[in-house]
Amino acid sequence: MGDKKILIVDDQFGIRVLLYEVFGKEGYKTFQAANGKEAIDLVKRNHPDLVLLDMKIPGMDGLEILKRIKKYDQSIKVIMMTAYGELDMINEASKHGAITHITKPFDIDYLRKTVKEHIV
């Protein structure tokens, strides 16, 4: 797993740090971004295998970031992180290539299992 890379994109510092630590301990190389510009820069520099992407980010929202990631590299897998009830946005994200979504607040074990399933 040491060669698998995960990018965590969330404007909430606590969530980024938590996920960074959890997936770092799992043996993934992890990167984190607080906004869309950072996320796109990190995608171009590090070519992650999977991106955990928050739907609601000030400035450039999750859908816009998703579109840009997919325009850059279709093979990067993206899991959206959403607040409960954002069904329209989830459907839109699926149309643009998101593989699944996780509802916040999330169950960390479920998130770990979902990432493991998709990052092979």
PDB file of N, CA and C in Angstrom:
ATOM      1  N   MET A   1       0.804  -1.201   0.000  1.00  0.00           N
ATOM      2  CA  MET A   1       0.000   0.000   0.000  1.00  0.00           C
ATOM      3  C   MET A   1       0.844   1.261   0.000  1.00  0.00           C
ATOM      4  N   GLY A   2       2.104   1.133   0.334  1.00  0.00           N
ATOM      5  CA  GLY A   2       2.973   2.291   0.454  1.00  0.00           C
ATOM      6  C   GLY A   2       3.103   3.121  -0.804  1.00  0.00           C
ATOM      7  N   ASP A   3       2.773   2.528  -1.950  1.00  0.00           N
ATOM      8  CA  ASP A   3       2.890   3.292  -3.188  1.00  0.00           C
ATOM      9  C   ASP A   3       1.562   3.936  -3.586  1.00  0.00           C
ATOM     10  N   LYS A   4       0.502   3.673  -2.839  1.00  0.00           N
ATOM     11  CA  LYS A   4      -0.807   4.250  -3.138  1.00  0.00           C
ATOM     12  C   LYS A   4      -0.922   5.620  -2.482  1.00  0.00           C
ATOM     13  N   LYS A   5      -1.439   6.589  -3.253  1.00  0.00           N
ATOM     14  CA  LYS A   5      -1.489   7.965  -2.756  1.00  0.00           C
ATOM     15  C   LYS A   5      -2.923   8.462  -2.647  1.00  0.00           C
ATOM     16  N   ILE A   6      -3.212   9.127  -1.527  1.00  0.00           N
ATOM     17  CA  ILE A   6      -4.534   9.684  -1.273  1.00  0.00           C
ATOM     18  C   ILE A   6      -4.402  11.186  -1.029  1.00  0.00           C
ATOM     19  N   LEU A   7      -5.245  11.947  -1.709  1.00  0.00           N
ATOM     20  CA  LEU A   7      -5.334  13.387  -1.472  1.00  0.00           C
ATOM     21  C   LEU A   7      -6.627  13.663  -0.708  1.00  0.00           C
ATOM     22  N   ILE A   8      -6.510  14.373   0.396  1.00  0.00           N
ATOM     23  CA  ILE A   8      -7.654  14.737   1.225  1.00  0.00           C
ATOM     24  C   ILE A   8      -7.925  16.224   0.999  1.00  0.00           C
ATOM     25  N   VAL A   9      -9.148  16.541   0.541  1.00  0.00           N
ATOM     26  CA  VAL A   9      -9.499  17.931   0.264  1.00  0.00           C
ATOM     27  C   VAL A   9     -10.705  18.311   1.127  1.00  0.00           C
ATOM     28  N   ASP A  10     -10.457  19.165   2.114  1.00  0.00           N
ATOM     29  CA  ASP A  10     -11.531  19.607   3.000  1.00  0.00           C
ATOM     30  C   ASP A  10     -11.097  20.935   3.612  1.00  0.00           C
ATOM     31  N   ASP A  11     -12.027  21.874   3.723  1.00  0.00           N
ATOM     32  CA  ASP A  11     -11.662  23.166   4.309  1.00  0.00           C
ATOM     33  C   ASP A  11     -11.606  23.102   5.834  1.00  0.00           C
ATOM     34  N   GLN A  12     -12.087  22.012   6.423  1.00  0.00           N
ATOM     35  CA  GLN A  12     -12.037  21.864   7.885  1.00  0.00           C
ATOM     36  C   GLN A  12     -10.736  21.183   8.299  1.00  0.00           C
ATOM     37  N   PHE A  13      -9.905  21.936   9.003  1.00  0.00           N
ATOM     38  CA  PHE A  13      -8.588  21.463   9.415  1.00  0.00           C
ATOM     39  C   PHE A  13      -8.663  20.146  10.176  1.00  0.00           C
ATOM     40  N   GLY A  14      -9.592  20.045  11.139  1.00  0.00           N
ATOM     41  CA  GLY A  14      -9.703  18.843  11.972  1.00  0.00           C
ATOM     42  C   GLY A  14      -9.968  17.582  11.158  1.00  0.00           C
ATOM     43  N   ILE A  15     -10.809  17.692  10.158  1.00  0.00           N
ATOM     44  CA  ILE A  15     -11.116  16.528   9.309  1.00  0.00           C
ATOM     45  C   ILE A  15      -9.894  16.143   8.480  1.00  0.00           C
ATOM     46  N   ARG A  16      -9.215  17.154   7.924  1.00  0.00           N
ATOM     47  CA  ARG A  16      -8.003  16.866   7.129  1.00  0.00           C
ATOM     48  C   ARG A  16      -6.967  16.133   7.969  1.00  0.00           C
ATOM     49  N   VAL A  17      -6.711  16.629   9.177  1.00  0.00           N
ATOM     50  CA  VAL A  17      -5.692  16.027  10.038  1.00  0.00           C
ATOM     51  C   VAL A  17      -6.097  14.610  10.432  1.00  0.00           C
ATOM     52  N   LEU A  18      -7.354  14.426  10.808  1.00  0.00           N
ATOM     53  CA  LEU A  18      -7.843  13.095  11.180  1.00  0.00           C
ATOM     54  C   LEU A  18      -7.628  12.102  10.026  1.00  0.00           C
ATOM     55  N   LEU A  19      -8.077  12.454   8.832  1.00  0.00           N
ATOM     56  CA  LEU A  19      -7.966  11.544   7.698  1.00  0.00           C
ATOM     57  C   LEU A  19      -6.508  11.336   7.289  1.00  0.00           C
ATOM     58  N   TYR A  20      -5.712  12.393   7.386  1.00  0.00           N
ATOM     59  CA  TYR A  20      -4.280  12.310   7.094  1.00  0.00           C
ATOM     60  C   TYR A  20      -3.622  11.271   8.003  1.00  0.00           C
ATOM     61  N   GLU A  21      -3.954  11.324   9.292  1.00  0.00           N
ATOM     62  CA  GLU A  21      -3.368  10.391  10.258  1.00  0.00           C
ATOM     63  C   GLU A  21      -3.887   8.966  10.048  1.00  0.00           C
ATOM     64  N   VAL A  22      -5.194   8.827   9.868  1.00  0.00           N
ATOM     65  CA  VAL A  22      -5.794   7.501   9.694  1.00  0.00           C
ATOM     66  C   VAL A  22      -5.197   6.795   8.473  1.00  0.00           C
ATOM     67  N   PHE A  23      -5.174   7.491   7.328  1.00  0.00           N
ATOM     68  CA  PHE A  23      -4.694   6.822   6.116  1.00  0.00           C
ATOM     69  C   PHE A  23      -3.171   6.723   6.066  1.00  0.00           C
ATOM     70  N   GLY A  24      -2.484   7.619   6.767  1.00  0.00           N
ATOM     71  CA  GLY A  24      -1.035   7.505   6.896  1.00  0.00           C
ATOM     72  C   GLY A  24      -0.667   6.238   7.669  1.00  0.00           C
ATOM     73  N   LYS A  25      -1.398   5.971   8.758  1.00  0.00           N
ATOM     74  CA  LYS A  25      -1.167   4.763   9.556  1.00  0.00           C
ATOM     75  C   LYS A  25      -1.493   3.498   8.769  1.00  0.00           C
ATOM     76  N   GLU A  26      -2.426   3.610   7.811  1.00  0.00           N
ATOM     77  CA  GLU A  26      -2.799   2.456   6.980  1.00  0.00           C
ATOM     78  C   GLU A  26      -1.714   2.165   5.941  1.00  0.00           C
ATOM     79  N   GLY A  27      -0.748   3.065   5.824  1.00  0.00           N
ATOM     80  CA  GLY A  27       0.347   2.837   4.895  1.00  0.00           C
ATOM     81  C   GLY A  27       0.238   3.588   3.578  1.00  0.00           C
ATOM     82  N   TYR A  28      -0.742   4.469   3.463  1.00  0.00           N
ATOM     83  CA  TYR A  28      -0.865   5.268   2.236  1.00  0.00           C
ATOM     84  C   TYR A  28      -0.002   6.515   2.346  1.00  0.00           C
ATOM     85  N   LYS A  29       0.434   7.001   1.193  1.00  0.00           N
ATOM     86  CA  LYS A  29       1.092   8.296   1.134  1.00  0.00           C
ATOM     87  C   LYS A  29      -0.039   9.311   1.045  1.00  0.00           C
ATOM     88  N   THR A  30      -0.132  10.216   2.013  1.00  0.00           N
ATOM     89  CA  THR A  30      -1.271  11.133   2.028  1.00  0.00           C
ATOM     90  C   THR A  30      -0.844  12.585   1.872  1.00  0.00           C
ATOM     91  N   PHE A  31      -1.718  13.334   1.217  1.00  0.00           N
ATOM     92  CA  PHE A  31      -1.514  14.764   0.996  1.00  0.00           C
ATOM     93  C   PHE A  31      -2.813  15.442   1.404  1.00  0.00           C
ATOM     94  N   GLN A  32      -2.734  16.724   1.766  1.00  0.00           N
ATOM     95  CA  GLN A  32      -3.968  17.417   2.108  1.00  0.00           C
ATOM     96  C   GLN A  32      -4.015  18.812   1.510  1.00  0.00           C
ATOM     97  N   ALA A  33      -5.250  19.218   1.165  1.00  0.00           N
ATOM     98  CA  ALA A  33      -5.481  20.545   0.606  1.00  0.00           C
ATOM     99  C   ALA A  33      -6.704  21.157   1.277  1.00  0.00           C
ATOM    100  N   ALA A  34      -6.640  22.471   1.501  1.00  0.00           N
ATOM    101  CA  ALA A  34      -7.741  23.171   2.161  1.00  0.00           C
ATOM    102  C   ALA A  34      -8.678  23.840   1.161  1.00  0.00           C
ATOM    103  N   ASN A  35      -8.250  23.927  -0.112  1.00  0.00           N
ATOM    104  CA  ASN A  35      -9.083  24.600  -1.109  1.00  0.00           C
ATOM    105  C   ASN A  35      -8.822  24.021  -2.501  1.00  0.00           C
ATOM    106  N   GLY A  36      -9.601  24.490  -3.459  1.00  0.00           N
ATOM    107  CA  GLY A  36      -9.536  23.954  -4.813  1.00  0.00           C
ATOM    108  C   GLY A  36      -8.205  24.159  -5.499  1.00  0.00           C
ATOM    109  N   LYS A  37      -7.623  25.348  -5.352  1.00  0.00           N
ATOM    110  CA  LYS A  37      -6.351  25.625  -6.023  1.00  0.00           C
ATOM    111  C   LYS A  37      -5.259  24.680  -5.515  1.00  0.00           C
ATOM    112  N   GLU A  38      -5.178  24.551  -4.186  1.00  0.00           N
ATOM    113  CA  GLU A  38      -4.197  23.621  -3.597  1.00  0.00           C
ATOM    114  C   GLU A  38      -4.441  22.197  -4.096  1.00  0.00           C
ATOM    115  N   ALA A  39      -5.715  21.815  -4.142  1.00  0.00           N
ATOM    116  CA  ALA A  39      -6.068  20.456  -4.563  1.00  0.00           C
ATOM    117  C   ALA A  39      -5.582  20.181  -5.982  1.00  0.00           C
ATOM    118  N   ILE A  40      -5.851  21.106  -6.901  1.00  0.00           N
ATOM    119  CA  ILE A  40      -5.452  20.913  -8.300  1.00  0.00           C
ATOM    120  C   ILE A  40      -3.924  20.881  -8.414  1.00  0.00           C
ATOM    121  N   ASP A  41      -3.242  21.767  -7.699  1.00  0.00           N
ATOM    122  CA  ASP A  41      -1.768  21.769  -7.706  1.00  0.00           C
ATOM    123  C   ASP A  41      -1.223  20.427  -7.222  1.00  0.00           C
ATOM    124  N   LEU A  42      -1.795  19.899  -6.137  1.00  0.00           N
ATOM    125  CA  LEU A  42      -1.323  18.625  -5.581  1.00  0.00           C
ATOM    126  C   LEU A  42      -1.627  17.457  -6.524  1.00  0.00           C
ATOM    127  N   VAL A  43      -2.760  17.505  -7.197  1.00  0.00           N
ATOM    128  CA  VAL A  43      -3.098  16.458  -8.174  1.00  0.00           C
ATOM    129  C   VAL A  43      -2.040  16.446  -9.275  1.00  0.00           C
ATOM    130  N   LYS A  44      -1.696  17.615  -9.787  1.00  0.00           N
ATOM    131  CA  LYS A  44      -0.722  17.709 -10.885  1.00  0.00           C
ATOM    132  C   LYS A  44       0.687  17.296 -10.443  1.00  0.00           C
ATOM    133  N   ARG A  45       1.049  17.629  -9.200  1.00  0.00           N
ATOM    134  CA  ARG A  45       2.389  17.297  -8.704  1.00  0.00           C
ATOM    135  C   ARG A  45       2.534  15.846  -8.258  1.00  0.00           C
ATOM    136  N   ASN A  46       1.481  15.285  -7.643  1.00  0.00           N
ATOM    137  CA  ASN A  46       1.616  13.992  -6.977  1.00  0.00           C
ATOM    138  C   ASN A  46       0.822  12.845  -7.582  1.00  0.00           C
ATOM    139  N   HIS A  47      -0.053  13.133  -8.536  1.00  0.00           N
ATOM    140  CA  HIS A  47      -0.851  12.092  -9.207  1.00  0.00           C
ATOM    141  C   HIS A  47      -1.439  11.076  -8.224  1.00  0.00           C
ATOM    142  N   PRO A  48      -2.349  11.514  -7.330  1.00  0.00           N
ATOM    143  CA  PRO A  48      -2.918  10.575  -6.351  1.00  0.00           C
ATOM    144  C   PRO A  48      -3.752   9.491  -7.029  1.00  0.00           C
ATOM    145  N   ASP A  49      -3.854   8.344  -6.370  1.00  0.00           N
ATOM    146  CA  ASP A  49      -4.707   7.264  -6.869  1.00  0.00           C
ATOM    147  C   ASP A  49      -6.162   7.557  -6.535  1.00  0.00           C
ATOM    148  N   LEU A  50      -6.365   8.244  -5.389  1.00  0.00           N
ATOM    149  CA  LEU A  50      -7.720   8.491  -4.919  1.00  0.00           C
ATOM    150  C   LEU A  50      -7.772   9.851  -4.224  1.00  0.00           C
ATOM    151  N   VAL A  51      -8.899  10.548  -4.411  1.00  0.00           N
ATOM    152  CA  VAL A  51      -9.109  11.838  -3.756  1.00  0.00           C
ATOM    153  C   VAL A  51     -10.363  11.747  -2.894  1.00  0.00           C
ATOM    154  N   LEU A  52     -10.239  12.125  -1.623  1.00  0.00           N
ATOM    155  CA  LEU A  52     -11.392  12.281  -0.738  1.00  0.00           C
ATOM    156  C   LEU A  52     -11.725  13.765  -0.785  1.00  0.00           C
ATOM    157  N   LEU A  53     -12.873  14.086  -1.371  1.00  0.00           N
ATOM    158  CA  LEU A  53     -13.178  15.473  -1.705  1.00  0.00           C
ATOM    159  C   LEU A  53     -14.463  15.943  -1.041  1.00  0.00           C
ATOM    160  N   ASP A  54     -14.334  16.971  -0.215  1.00  0.00           N
ATOM    161  CA  ASP A  54     -15.504  17.551   0.426  1.00  0.00           C
ATOM    162  C   ASP A  54     -16.312  18.308  -0.625  1.00  0.00           C
ATOM    163  N   MET A  55     -17.632  18.192  -0.544  1.00  0.00           N
ATOM    164  CA  MET A  55     -18.511  18.830  -1.516  1.00  0.00           C
ATOM    165  C   MET A  55     -18.563  20.344  -1.332  1.00  0.00           C
ATOM    166  N   LYS A  56     -18.559  20.778  -0.073  1.00  0.00           N
ATOM    167  CA  LYS A  56     -18.722  22.212   0.202  1.00  0.00           C
ATOM    168  C   LYS A  56     -17.393  22.825   0.634  1.00  0.00           C
ATOM    169  N   ILE A  57     -16.762  23.507  -0.303  1.00  0.00           N
ATOM    170  CA  ILE A  57     -15.495  24.176  -0.008  1.00  0.00           C
ATOM    171  C   ILE A  57     -15.626  25.611  -0.499  1.00  0.00           C
ATOM    172  N   PRO A  58     -15.315  26.585   0.345  1.00  0.00           N
ATOM    173  CA  PRO A  58     -15.426  27.985  -0.103  1.00  0.00           C
ATOM    174  C   PRO A  58     -14.530  28.255  -1.312  1.00  0.00           C
ATOM    175  N   GLY A  59     -14.992  29.129  -2.175  1.00  0.00           N
ATOM    176  CA  GLY A  59     -14.217  29.459  -3.367  1.00  0.00           C
ATOM    177  C   GLY A  59     -14.608  28.560  -4.509  1.00  0.00           C
ATOM    178  N   MET A  60     -13.894  27.458  -4.658  1.00  0.00           N
ATOM    179  CA  MET A  60     -14.177  26.490  -5.715  1.00  0.00           C
ATOM    180  C   MET A  60     -14.857  25.294  -5.055  1.00  0.00           C
ATOM    181  N   ASP A  61     -16.122  25.025  -5.389  1.00  0.00           N
ATOM    182  CA  ASP A  61     -16.811  23.930  -4.700  1.00  0.00           C
ATOM    183  C   ASP A  61     -16.339  22.556  -5.188  1.00  0.00           C
ATOM    184  N   GLY A  62     -16.783  21.530  -4.479  1.00  0.00           N
ATOM    185  CA  GLY A  62     -16.341  20.170  -4.765  1.00  0.00           C
ATOM    186  C   GLY A  62     -16.618  19.724  -6.195  1.00  0.00           C
ATOM    187  N   LEU A  63     -17.762  20.123  -6.740  1.00  0.00           N
ATOM    188  CA  LEU A  63     -18.089  19.727  -8.121  1.00  0.00           C
ATOM    189  C   LEU A  63     -17.091  20.305  -9.115  1.00  0.00           C
ATOM    190  N   GLU A  64     -16.749  21.566  -8.927  1.00  0.00           N
ATOM    191  CA  GLU A  64     -15.791  22.216  -9.819  1.00  0.00           C
ATOM    192  C   GLU A  64     -14.409  21.551  -9.704  1.00  0.00           C
ATOM    193  N   ILE A  65     -14.004  21.250  -8.469  1.00  0.00           N
ATOM    194  CA  ILE A  65     -12.712  20.575  -8.253  1.00  0.00           C
ATOM    195  C   ILE A  65     -12.745  19.201  -8.928  1.00  0.00           C
ATOM    196  N   LEU A  66     -13.849  18.466  -8.746  1.00  0.00           N
ATOM    197  CA  LEU A  66     -14.014  17.149  -9.367  1.00  0.00           C
ATOM    198  C   LEU A  66     -13.852  17.241 -10.885  1.00  0.00           C
ATOM    199  N   LYS A  67     -14.535  18.200 -11.505  1.00  0.00           N
ATOM    200  CA  LYS A  67     -14.454  18.369 -12.971  1.00  0.00           C
ATOM    201  C   LYS A  67     -13.016  18.631 -13.411  1.00  0.00           C
ATOM    202  N   ARG A  68     -12.322  19.475 -12.665  1.00  0.00           N
ATOM    203  CA  ARG A  68     -10.932  19.801 -13.037  1.00  0.00           C
ATOM    204  C   ARG A  68     -10.002  18.607 -12.858  1.00  0.00           C
ATOM    205  N   ILE A  69     -10.208  17.844 -11.776  1.00  0.00           N
ATOM    206  CA  ILE A  69      -9.384  16.639 -11.560  1.00  0.00           C
ATOM    207  C   ILE A  69      -9.598  15.672 -12.723  1.00  0.00           C
ATOM    208  N   LYS A  70     -10.861  15.449 -13.093  1.00  0.00           N
ATOM    209  CA  LYS A  70     -11.188  14.491 -14.160  1.00  0.00           C
ATOM    210  C   LYS A  70     -10.707  14.976 -15.518  1.00  0.00           C
ATOM    211  N   LYS A  71     -10.710  16.298 -15.727  1.00  0.00           N
ATOM    212  CA  LYS A  71     -10.196  16.844 -16.991  1.00  0.00           C
ATOM    213  C   LYS A  71      -8.692  16.595 -17.082  1.00  0.00           C
ATOM    214  N   TYR A  72      -8.029  16.691 -15.926  1.00  0.00           N
ATOM    215  CA  TYR A  72      -6.587  16.474 -15.875  1.00  0.00           C
ATOM    216  C   TYR A  72      -6.241  14.993 -16.023  1.00  0.00           C
ATOM    217  N   ASP A  73      -6.952  14.117 -15.315  1.00  0.00           N
ATOM    218  CA  ASP A  73      -6.661  12.683 -15.354  1.00  0.00           C
ATOM    219  C   ASP A  73      -7.912  11.876 -14.996  1.00  0.00           C
ATOM    220  N   GLN A  74      -8.514  11.246 -16.002  1.00  0.00           N
ATOM    221  CA  GLN A  74      -9.741  10.460 -15.808  1.00  0.00           C
ATOM    222  C   GLN A  74      -9.555   9.287 -14.844  1.00  0.00           C
ATOM    223  N   SER A  75      -8.324   8.787 -14.720  1.00  0.00           N
ATOM    224  CA  SER A  75      -8.108   7.562 -13.937  1.00  0.00           C
ATOM    225  C   SER A  75      -8.099   7.795 -12.424  1.00  0.00           C
ATOM    226  N   ILE A  76      -8.005   9.048 -11.994  1.00  0.00           N
ATOM    227  CA  ILE A  76      -7.999   9.334 -10.554  1.00  0.00           C
ATOM    228  C   ILE A  76      -9.400   9.090  -9.998  1.00  0.00           C
ATOM    229  N   LYS A  77      -9.460   8.262  -8.960  1.00  0.00           N
ATOM    230  CA  LYS A  77     -10.746   7.955  -8.342  1.00  0.00           C
ATOM    231  C   LYS A  77     -11.080   9.030  -7.312  1.00  0.00           C
ATOM    232  N   VAL A  78     -12.353   9.425  -7.285  1.00  0.00           N
ATOM    233  CA  VAL A  78     -12.778  10.487  -6.368  1.00  0.00           C
ATOM    234  C   VAL A  78     -13.967  10.007  -5.549  1.00  0.00           C
ATOM    235  N   ILE A  79     -13.838  10.108  -4.231  1.00  0.00           N
ATOM    236  CA  ILE A  79     -14.942   9.836  -3.313  1.00  0.00           C
ATOM    237  C   ILE A  79     -15.356  11.177  -2.727  1.00  0.00           C
ATOM    238  N   MET A  80     -16.634  11.531  -2.910  1.00  0.00           N
ATOM    239  CA  MET A  80     -17.145  12.800  -2.393  1.00  0.00           C
ATOM    240  C   MET A  80     -17.538  12.628  -0.920  1.00  0.00           C
ATOM    241  N   MET A  81     -17.289  13.668  -0.132  1.00  0.00           N
ATOM    242  CA  MET A  81     -17.737  13.693   1.261  1.00  0.00           C
ATOM    243  C   MET A  81     -18.811  14.774   1.348  1.00  0.00           C
ATOM    244  N   THR A  82     -20.003  14.391   1.783  1.00  0.00           N
ATOM    245  CA  THR A  82     -21.123  15.323   1.760  1.00  0.00           C
ATOM    246  C   THR A  82     -21.846  15.370   3.096  1.00  0.00           C
ATOM    247  N   ALA A  83     -22.499  16.495   3.332  1.00  0.00           N
ATOM    248  CA  ALA A  83     -23.388  16.580   4.486  1.00  0.00           C
ATOM    249  C   ALA A  83     -24.671  15.842   4.117  1.00  0.00           C
ATOM    250  N   TYR A  84     -25.408  15.438   5.090  1.00  0.00           N
ATOM    251  CA  TYR A  84     -26.632  14.690   4.857  1.00  0.00           C
ATOM    252  C   TYR A  84     -27.597  15.475   3.964  1.00  0.00           C
ATOM    253  N   GLY A  85     -28.180  14.800   2.973  1.00  0.00           N
ATOM    254  CA  GLY A  85     -29.264  15.387   2.209  1.00  0.00           C
ATOM    255  C   GLY A  85     -28.883  16.184   0.969  1.00  0.00           C
ATOM    256  N   GLU A  86     -27.660  16.128   0.545  1.00  0.00           N
ATOM    257  CA  GLU A  86     -27.258  16.867  -0.661  1.00  0.00           C
ATOM    258  C   GLU A  86     -27.398  15.988  -1.905  1.00  0.00           C
ATOM    259  N   LEU A  87     -28.595  15.423  -2.079  1.00  0.00           N
ATOM    260  CA  LEU A  87     -28.817  14.435  -3.122  1.00  0.00           C
ATOM    261  C   LEU A  87     -28.556  14.964  -4.533  1.00  0.00           C
ATOM    262  N   ASP A  88     -29.005  16.181  -4.824  1.00  0.00           N
ATOM    263  CA  ASP A  88     -28.793  16.751  -6.157  1.00  0.00           C
ATOM    264  C   ASP A  88     -27.307  16.837  -6.478  1.00  0.00           C
ATOM    265  N   MET A  89     -26.532  17.305  -5.494  1.00  0.00           N
ATOM    266  CA  MET A  89     -25.090  17.437  -5.707  1.00  0.00           C
ATOM    267  C   MET A  89     -24.427  16.067  -5.865  1.00  0.00           C
ATOM    268  N   ILE A  90     -24.907  15.080  -5.114  1.00  0.00           N
ATOM    269  CA  ILE A  90     -24.358  13.723  -5.210  1.00  0.00           C
ATOM    270  C   ILE A  90     -24.599  13.169  -6.609  1.00  0.00           C
ATOM    271  N   ASN A  91     -25.813  13.334  -7.114  1.00  0.00           N
ATOM    272  CA  ASN A  91     -26.137  12.859  -8.470  1.00  0.00           C
ATOM    273  C   ASN A  91     -25.281  13.563  -9.511  1.00  0.00           C
ATOM    274  N   GLU A  92     -25.111  14.860  -9.350  1.00  0.00           N
ATOM    275  CA  GLU A  92     -24.286  15.644 -10.279  1.00  0.00           C
ATOM    276  C   GLU A  92     -22.832  15.159 -10.229  1.00  0.00           C
ATOM    277  N   ALA A  93     -22.322  14.906  -9.023  1.00  0.00           N
ATOM    278  CA  ALA A  93     -20.945  14.424  -8.865  1.00  0.00           C
ATOM    279  C   ALA A  93     -20.775  13.063  -9.543  1.00  0.00           C
ATOM    280  N   SER A  94     -21.771  12.192  -9.415  1.00  0.00           N
ATOM    281  CA  SER A  94     -21.701  10.875 -10.061  1.00  0.00           C
ATOM    282  C   SER A  94     -21.613  11.017 -11.576  1.00  0.00           C
ATOM    283  N   LYS A  95     -22.378  11.950 -12.129  1.00  0.00           N
ATOM    284  CA  LYS A  95     -22.339  12.195 -13.587  1.00  0.00           C
ATOM    285  C   LYS A  95     -20.950  12.618 -14.039  1.00  0.00           C
ATOM    286  N   HIS A  96     -20.227  13.293 -13.150  1.00  0.00           N
ATOM    287  CA  HIS A  96     -18.896  13.802 -13.505  1.00  0.00           C
ATOM    288  C   HIS A  96     -17.771  12.869 -13.073  1.00  0.00           C
ATOM    289  N   GLY A  97     -18.114  11.646 -12.651  1.00  0.00           N
ATOM    290  CA  GLY A  97     -17.075  10.652 -12.437  1.00  0.00           C
ATOM    291  C   GLY A  97     -16.736  10.295 -11.004  1.00  0.00           C
ATOM    292  N   ALA A  98     -17.441  10.855 -10.012  1.00  0.00           N
ATOM    293  CA  ALA A  98     -17.190  10.434  -8.626  1.00  0.00           C
ATOM    294  C   ALA A  98     -17.633   8.980  -8.480  1.00  0.00           C
ATOM    295  N   ILE A  99     -16.822   8.155  -7.813  1.00  0.00           N
ATOM    296  CA  ILE A  99     -17.158   6.732  -7.728  1.00  0.00           C
ATOM    297  C   ILE A  99     -18.184   6.428  -6.646  1.00  0.00           C
ATOM    298  N   THR A 100     -18.211   7.235  -5.594  1.00  0.00           N
ATOM    299  CA  THR A 100     -19.192   7.057  -4.532  1.00  0.00           C
ATOM    300  C   THR A 100     -19.155   8.288  -3.643  1.00  0.00           C
ATOM    301  N   HIS A 101     -19.953   8.275  -2.583  1.00  0.00           N
ATOM    302  CA  HIS A 101     -19.907   9.381  -1.630  1.00  0.00           C
ATOM    303  C   HIS A 101     -20.027   8.825  -0.209  1.00  0.00           C
ATOM    304  N   ILE A 102     -19.528   9.597   0.713  1.00  0.00           N
ATOM    305  CA  ILE A 102     -19.595   9.279   2.135  1.00  0.00           C
ATOM    306  C   ILE A 102     -20.323  10.452   2.793  1.00  0.00           C
ATOM    307  N   THR A 103     -21.294  10.148   3.646  1.00  0.00           N
ATOM    308  CA  THR A 103     -22.032  11.211   4.311  1.00  0.00           C
ATOM    309  C   THR A 103     -21.364  11.581   5.637  1.00  0.00           C
ATOM    310  N   LYS A 104     -21.198  12.877   5.854  1.00  0.00           N
ATOM    311  CA  LYS A 104     -20.651  13.380   7.119  1.00  0.00           C
ATOM    312  C   LYS A 104     -21.790  13.536   8.119  1.00  0.00           C
ATOM    313  N   PRO A 105     -21.572  13.330   9.393  1.00  0.00           N
ATOM    314  CA  PRO A 105     -20.323  12.803   9.950  1.00  0.00           C
ATOM    315  C   PRO A 105     -20.178  11.330   9.579  1.00  0.00           C
ATOM    316  N   PHE A 106     -18.988  10.952   9.175  1.00  0.00           N
ATOM    317  CA  PHE A 106     -18.798   9.593   8.681  1.00  0.00           C
ATOM    318  C   PHE A 106     -18.285   8.644   9.751  1.00  0.00           C
ATOM    319  N   ASP A 107     -18.518   7.372   9.486  1.00  0.00           N
ATOM    320  CA  ASP A 107     -17.991   6.288  10.301  1.00  0.00           C
ATOM    321  C   ASP A 107     -16.598   6.000   9.739  1.00  0.00           C
ATOM    322  N   ILE A 108     -15.572   6.228  10.539  1.00  0.00           N
ATOM    323  CA  ILE A 108     -14.193   6.122  10.043  1.00  0.00           C
ATOM    324  C   ILE A 108     -13.873   4.716   9.542  1.00  0.00           C
ATOM    325  N   ASP A 109     -14.415   3.681  10.187  1.00  0.00           N
ATOM    326  CA  ASP A 109     -14.151   2.317   9.720  1.00  0.00           C
ATOM    327  C   ASP A 109     -14.786   2.066   8.358  1.00  0.00           C
ATOM    328  N   TYR A 110     -15.992   2.600   8.165  1.00  0.00           N
ATOM    329  CA  TYR A 110     -16.661   2.474   6.866  1.00  0.00           C
ATOM    330  C   TYR A 110     -15.865   3.212   5.786  1.00  0.00           C
ATOM    331  N   LEU A 111     -15.364   4.384   6.116  1.00  0.00           N
ATOM    332  CA  LEU A 111     -14.562   5.157   5.171  1.00  0.00           C
ATOM    333  C   LEU A 111     -13.281   4.399   4.811  1.00  0.00           C
ATOM    334  N   ARG A 112     -12.618   3.829   5.812  1.00  0.00           N
ATOM    335  CA  ARG A 112     -11.386   3.060   5.549  1.00  0.00           C
ATOM    336  C   ARG A 112     -11.675   1.880   4.626  1.00  0.00           C
ATOM    337  N   LYS A 113     -12.776   1.172   4.881  1.00  0.00           N
ATOM    338  CA  LYS A 113     -13.157   0.017   4.067  1.00  0.00           C
ATOM    339  C   LYS A 113     -13.471   0.457   2.631  1.00  0.00           C
ATOM    340  N   THR A 114     -14.186   1.557   2.500  1.00  0.00           N
ATOM    341  CA  THR A 114     -14.554   2.060   1.170  1.00  0.00           C
ATOM    342  C   THR A 114     -13.309   2.452   0.383  1.00  0.00           C
ATOM    343  N   VAL A 115     -12.379   3.142   1.023  1.00  0.00           N
ATOM    344  CA  VAL A 115     -11.136   3.530   0.355  1.00  0.00           C
ATOM    345  C   VAL A 115     -10.364   2.280  -0.082  1.00  0.00           C
ATOM    346  N   LYS A 116     -10.248   1.314   0.814  1.00  0.00           N
ATOM    347  CA  LYS A 116      -9.516   0.079   0.510  1.00  0.00           C
ATOM    348  C   LYS A 116     -10.116  -0.633  -0.704  1.00  0.00           C
ATOM    349  N   GLU A 117     -11.453  -0.660  -0.791  1.00  0.00           N
ATOM    350  CA  GLU A 117     -12.129  -1.307  -1.920  1.00  0.00           C
ATOM    351  C   GLU A 117     -11.807  -0.637  -3.248  1.00  0.00           C
ATOM    352  N   HIS A 118     -11.671   0.669  -3.235  1.00  0.00           N
ATOM    353  CA  HIS A 118     -11.536   1.423  -4.481  1.00  0.00           C
ATOM    354  C   HIS A 118     -10.103   1.743  -4.895  1.00  0.00           C
ATOM    355  N   ILE A 119      -9.154   1.534  -4.005  1.00  0.00           N
ATOM    356  CA  ILE A 119      -7.794   1.997  -4.293  1.00  0.00           C
ATOM    357  C   ILE A 119      -6.898   0.877  -4.864  1.00  0.00           C
ATOM    358  N   VAL A 120      -7.423  -0.324  -5.016  1.00  0.00           N
ATOM    359  CA  VAL A 120      -6.607  -1.439  -5.509  1.00  0.00           C
ATOM    360  C   VAL A 120      -6.069  -1.218  -6.905  1.00  0.00           C
TER     361      VAL A 120
END
